Amino acid sequence: MGENQKSIDGVIEKLAMIVDAADELFPNGKMLLAFELKEEEFKKVQGNFREIDKSFKQFKIEMSGNDIMFLLDESSNV
């Protein structure tokens, strides 16, 4: 993981472990991870990163040259 960031709830550290393991498994591949999360989890993860417009229903971060996308699962908000 390029930058040494820490999160209160350990989300960043756990994502770094996932990215590192996938890089080890597929060293020549490019990775895009996508997580579709219920609103509570989505907001919790969103709070670990820069101030993001709260109306966004998705956001993407880059970690170690790989993209991680977070999508709000709106099916639970009906």
N, C-alpha and C. Protein backbone atom coordinates (compact mmCIF):
# COMPACT_ATOMS: atom_id res chain seq x y z
N MET A 1 0.85 -1.16 0.00
CA MET A 1 0.00 0.00 0.00
C MET A 1 0.90 1.22 0.00
N GLY A 2 0.70 2.12 -0.95
CA GLY A 2 1.57 3.27 -1.12
C GLY A 2 1.61 4.19 0.07
N GLU A 3 0.47 4.66 0.52
CA GLU A 3 0.42 5.58 1.64
C GLU A 3 0.03 4.82 2.90
N ASN A 4 0.61 5.23 4.00
CA ASN A 4 0.28 4.59 5.27
C ASN A 4 -0.84 5.37 5.93
N GLN A 5 -2.07 5.01 5.61
CA GLN A 5 -3.22 5.67 6.21
C GLN A 5 -3.84 4.73 7.22
N LYS A 6 -4.48 5.30 8.21
CA LYS A 6 -5.18 4.50 9.21
C LYS A 6 -6.60 5.00 9.32
N SER A 7 -7.49 4.09 9.61
CA SER A 7 -8.88 4.47 9.81
C SER A 7 -9.28 4.09 11.23
N ILE A 8 -10.29 4.74 11.71
CA ILE A 8 -10.76 4.48 13.07
C ILE A 8 -11.28 3.05 13.20
N ASP A 9 -12.00 2.59 12.18
CA ASP A 9 -12.64 1.28 12.25
C ASP A 9 -11.87 0.18 11.52
N GLY A 10 -10.70 0.49 11.00
CA GLY A 10 -9.87 -0.53 10.35
C GLY A 10 -10.20 -0.80 8.90
N VAL A 11 -11.11 -0.02 8.29
CA VAL A 11 -11.52 -0.27 6.91
C VAL A 11 -10.34 -0.14 5.95
N ILE A 12 -9.56 0.91 6.08
CA ILE A 12 -8.44 1.13 5.15
C ILE A 12 -7.41 0.00 5.26
N GLU A 13 -7.09 -0.39 6.47
CA GLU A 13 -6.12 -1.46 6.67
C GLU A 13 -6.61 -2.78 6.07
N LYS A 14 -7.89 -3.08 6.24
CA LYS A 14 -8.45 -4.32 5.70
C LYS A 14 -8.51 -4.29 4.17
N LEU A 15 -8.85 -3.14 3.61
CA LEU A 15 -8.83 -3.01 2.15
C LEU A 15 -7.42 -3.20 1.62
N ALA A 16 -6.43 -2.66 2.32
CA ALA A 16 -5.04 -2.82 1.90
C ALA A 16 -4.64 -4.30 1.90
N MET A 17 -5.12 -5.05 2.89
CA MET A 17 -4.82 -6.49 2.94
C MET A 17 -5.44 -7.21 1.75
N ILE A 18 -6.67 -6.84 1.39
CA ILE A 18 -7.34 -7.47 0.24
C ILE A 18 -6.58 -7.15 -1.04
N VAL A 19 -6.22 -5.88 -1.22
CA VAL A 19 -5.49 -5.47 -2.42
C VAL A 19 -4.14 -6.16 -2.50
N ASP A 20 -3.42 -6.20 -1.40
CA ASP A 20 -2.11 -6.87 -1.39
C ASP A 20 -2.23 -8.35 -1.72
N ALA A 21 -3.23 -9.03 -1.18
CA ALA A 21 -3.43 -10.46 -1.46
C ALA A 21 -3.78 -10.68 -2.93
N ALA A 22 -4.63 -9.84 -3.49
CA ALA A 22 -5.00 -9.99 -4.90
C ALA A 22 -3.80 -9.70 -5.81
N ASP A 23 -2.99 -8.71 -5.45
CA ASP A 23 -1.77 -8.42 -6.22
C ASP A 23 -0.81 -9.60 -6.19
N GLU A 24 -0.73 -10.27 -5.06
CA GLU A 24 0.14 -11.43 -4.95
C GLU A 24 -0.41 -12.60 -5.78
N LEU A 25 -1.72 -12.77 -5.78
CA LEU A 25 -2.35 -13.85 -6.53
C LEU A 25 -2.26 -13.63 -8.03
N PHE A 26 -2.45 -12.38 -8.47
CA PHE A 26 -2.41 -12.04 -9.89
C PHE A 26 -1.46 -10.86 -10.11
N PRO A 27 -0.14 -11.11 -10.05
CA PRO A 27 0.83 -10.01 -10.11
C PRO A 27 0.84 -9.25 -11.43
N ASN A 28 0.39 -9.84 -12.50
CA ASN A 28 0.41 -9.19 -13.81
C ASN A 28 -0.95 -8.63 -14.21
N GLY A 29 -1.92 -8.71 -13.32
CA GLY A 29 -3.27 -8.26 -13.66
C GLY A 29 -3.56 -6.87 -13.11
N LYS A 30 -4.61 -6.28 -13.65
CA LYS A 30 -5.11 -5.01 -13.12
C LYS A 30 -6.40 -5.33 -12.40
N MET A 31 -6.60 -4.72 -11.27
CA MET A 31 -7.71 -5.08 -10.41
C MET A 31 -8.71 -3.94 -10.30
N LEU A 32 -9.98 -4.30 -10.32
CA LEU A 32 -11.06 -3.39 -9.98
C LEU A 32 -11.96 -4.15 -9.02
N LEU A 33 -12.02 -3.68 -7.79
CA LEU A 33 -12.91 -4.27 -6.79
C LEU A 33 -14.14 -3.40 -6.67
N ALA A 34 -15.29 -4.01 -6.57
CA ALA A 34 -16.53 -3.25 -6.41
C ALA A 34 -17.29 -3.83 -5.23
N PHE A 35 -17.75 -2.94 -4.37
CA PHE A 35 -18.55 -3.32 -3.21
C PHE A 35 -19.88 -2.60 -3.28
N GLU A 36 -20.97 -3.33 -3.24
CA GLU A 36 -22.30 -2.74 -3.16
C GLU A 36 -22.74 -2.88 -1.71
N LEU A 37 -22.95 -1.74 -1.05
CA LEU A 37 -23.17 -1.74 0.38
C LEU A 37 -24.51 -1.11 0.74
N LYS A 38 -25.09 -1.61 1.82
CA LYS A 38 -26.29 -0.99 2.38
C LYS A 38 -25.90 0.39 2.88
N GLU A 39 -26.87 1.28 3.04
CA GLU A 39 -26.59 2.69 3.33
C GLU A 39 -25.71 2.89 4.56
N GLU A 40 -25.98 2.18 5.64
CA GLU A 40 -25.20 2.36 6.87
C GLU A 40 -23.72 2.04 6.65
N GLU A 41 -23.45 0.91 5.97
CA GLU A 41 -22.06 0.53 5.69
C GLU A 41 -21.43 1.50 4.71
N PHE A 42 -22.18 1.90 3.69
CA PHE A 42 -21.68 2.83 2.67
C PHE A 42 -21.23 4.14 3.33
N LYS A 43 -22.06 4.70 4.20
CA LYS A 43 -21.72 5.95 4.87
C LYS A 43 -20.53 5.78 5.80
N LYS A 44 -20.43 4.61 6.45
CA LYS A 44 -19.31 4.33 7.34
C LYS A 44 -18.00 4.33 6.56
N VAL A 45 -17.99 3.65 5.41
CA VAL A 45 -16.78 3.61 4.58
C VAL A 45 -16.49 4.99 4.02
N GLN A 46 -17.51 5.68 3.55
CA GLN A 46 -17.37 7.01 2.96
C GLN A 46 -16.71 7.98 3.95
N GLY A 47 -17.01 7.83 5.23
CA GLY A 47 -16.46 8.70 6.25
C GLY A 47 -14.96 8.57 6.45
N ASN A 48 -14.36 7.51 5.92
CA ASN A 48 -12.91 7.31 6.06
C ASN A 48 -12.09 8.07 5.03
N PHE A 49 -12.76 8.67 4.06
CA PHE A 49 -12.04 9.31 2.97
C PHE A 49 -12.37 10.80 2.92
N ARG A 50 -11.78 11.50 1.96
CA ARG A 50 -11.96 12.94 1.86
C ARG A 50 -13.45 13.30 1.94
N GLU A 51 -13.72 14.53 2.24
CA GLU A 51 -15.11 14.98 2.33
C GLU A 51 -15.77 14.81 0.96
N ILE A 52 -16.69 13.92 0.89
CA ILE A 52 -17.36 13.59 -0.36
C ILE A 52 -18.80 14.07 -0.26
N ASP A 53 -19.30 14.62 -1.35
CA ASP A 53 -20.68 15.07 -1.39
C ASP A 53 -21.58 13.92 -0.95
N LYS A 54 -22.34 14.16 0.09
CA LYS A 54 -23.17 13.10 0.68
C LYS A 54 -24.27 12.62 -0.25
N SER A 55 -24.54 13.34 -1.33
CA SER A 55 -25.58 12.91 -2.27
C SER A 55 -25.06 11.88 -3.27
N PHE A 56 -23.75 11.67 -3.33
CA PHE A 56 -23.19 10.69 -4.26
C PHE A 56 -23.62 9.29 -3.85
N LYS A 57 -23.96 8.48 -4.83
CA LYS A 57 -24.38 7.11 -4.58
C LYS A 57 -23.28 6.11 -4.92
N GLN A 58 -22.13 6.64 -5.31
CA GLN A 58 -20.96 5.80 -5.54
C GLN A 58 -19.71 6.66 -5.48
N PHE A 59 -18.60 6.03 -5.15
CA PHE A 59 -17.32 6.71 -5.21
C PHE A 59 -16.24 5.67 -5.41
N LYS A 60 -15.09 6.13 -5.89
CA LYS A 60 -13.98 5.23 -6.21
C LYS A 60 -12.72 5.77 -5.57
N ILE A 61 -11.90 4.85 -5.07
CA ILE A 61 -10.59 5.22 -4.55
C ILE A 61 -9.54 4.41 -5.29
N GLU A 62 -8.31 4.85 -5.23
CA GLU A 62 -7.19 4.12 -5.81
C GLU A 62 -6.27 3.71 -4.68
N MET A 63 -5.88 2.44 -4.69
CA MET A 63 -4.98 1.93 -3.66
C MET A 63 -3.96 1.02 -4.34
N SER A 64 -2.71 1.37 -4.22
CA SER A 64 -1.62 0.59 -4.80
C SER A 64 -1.82 0.36 -6.29
N GLY A 65 -2.32 1.37 -6.99
CA GLY A 65 -2.51 1.26 -8.44
C GLY A 65 -3.76 0.50 -8.85
N ASN A 66 -4.59 0.17 -7.91
CA ASN A 66 -5.83 -0.57 -8.19
C ASN A 66 -7.03 0.27 -7.75
N ASP A 67 -8.14 0.10 -8.47
CA ASP A 67 -9.35 0.84 -8.17
C ASP A 67 -10.28 0.04 -7.28
N ILE A 68 -10.87 0.73 -6.31
CA ILE A 68 -11.89 0.13 -5.45
C ILE A 68 -13.11 1.04 -5.54
N MET A 69 -14.25 0.46 -5.95
CA MET A 69 -15.46 1.23 -6.12
C MET A 69 -16.46 0.82 -5.07
N PHE A 70 -17.15 1.81 -4.53
CA PHE A 70 -18.19 1.59 -3.53
C PHE A 70 -19.50 2.10 -4.11
N LEU A 71 -20.50 1.24 -4.12
CA LEU A 71 -21.81 1.57 -4.67
C LEU A 71 -22.86 1.44 -3.58
N LEU A 72 -23.77 2.38 -3.54
CA LEU A 72 -24.87 2.33 -2.58
C LEU A 72 -25.93 1.37 -3.08
N ASP A 73 -26.27 0.38 -2.28
CA ASP A 73 -27.33 -0.58 -2.61
C ASP A 73 -28.66 0.08 -2.27
N GLU A 74 -29.34 0.56 -3.29
CA GLU A 74 -30.57 1.28 -3.07
C GLU A 74 -31.80 0.36 -2.95
N SER A 75 -31.60 -0.92 -3.18
CA SER A 75 -32.73 -1.84 -3.10
C SER A 75 -33.26 -1.94 -1.66
N SER A 76 -32.42 -1.63 -0.70
CA SER A 76 -32.85 -1.71 0.69
C SER A 76 -33.51 -0.42 1.15
N ASN A 77 -33.48 0.63 0.31
CA ASN A 77 -34.04 1.92 0.67
C ASN A 77 -35.42 2.15 0.09
N VAL A 78 -36.07 1.11 -0.38
CA VAL A 78 -37.38 1.24 -1.02
C VAL A 78 -38.46 1.31 0.03
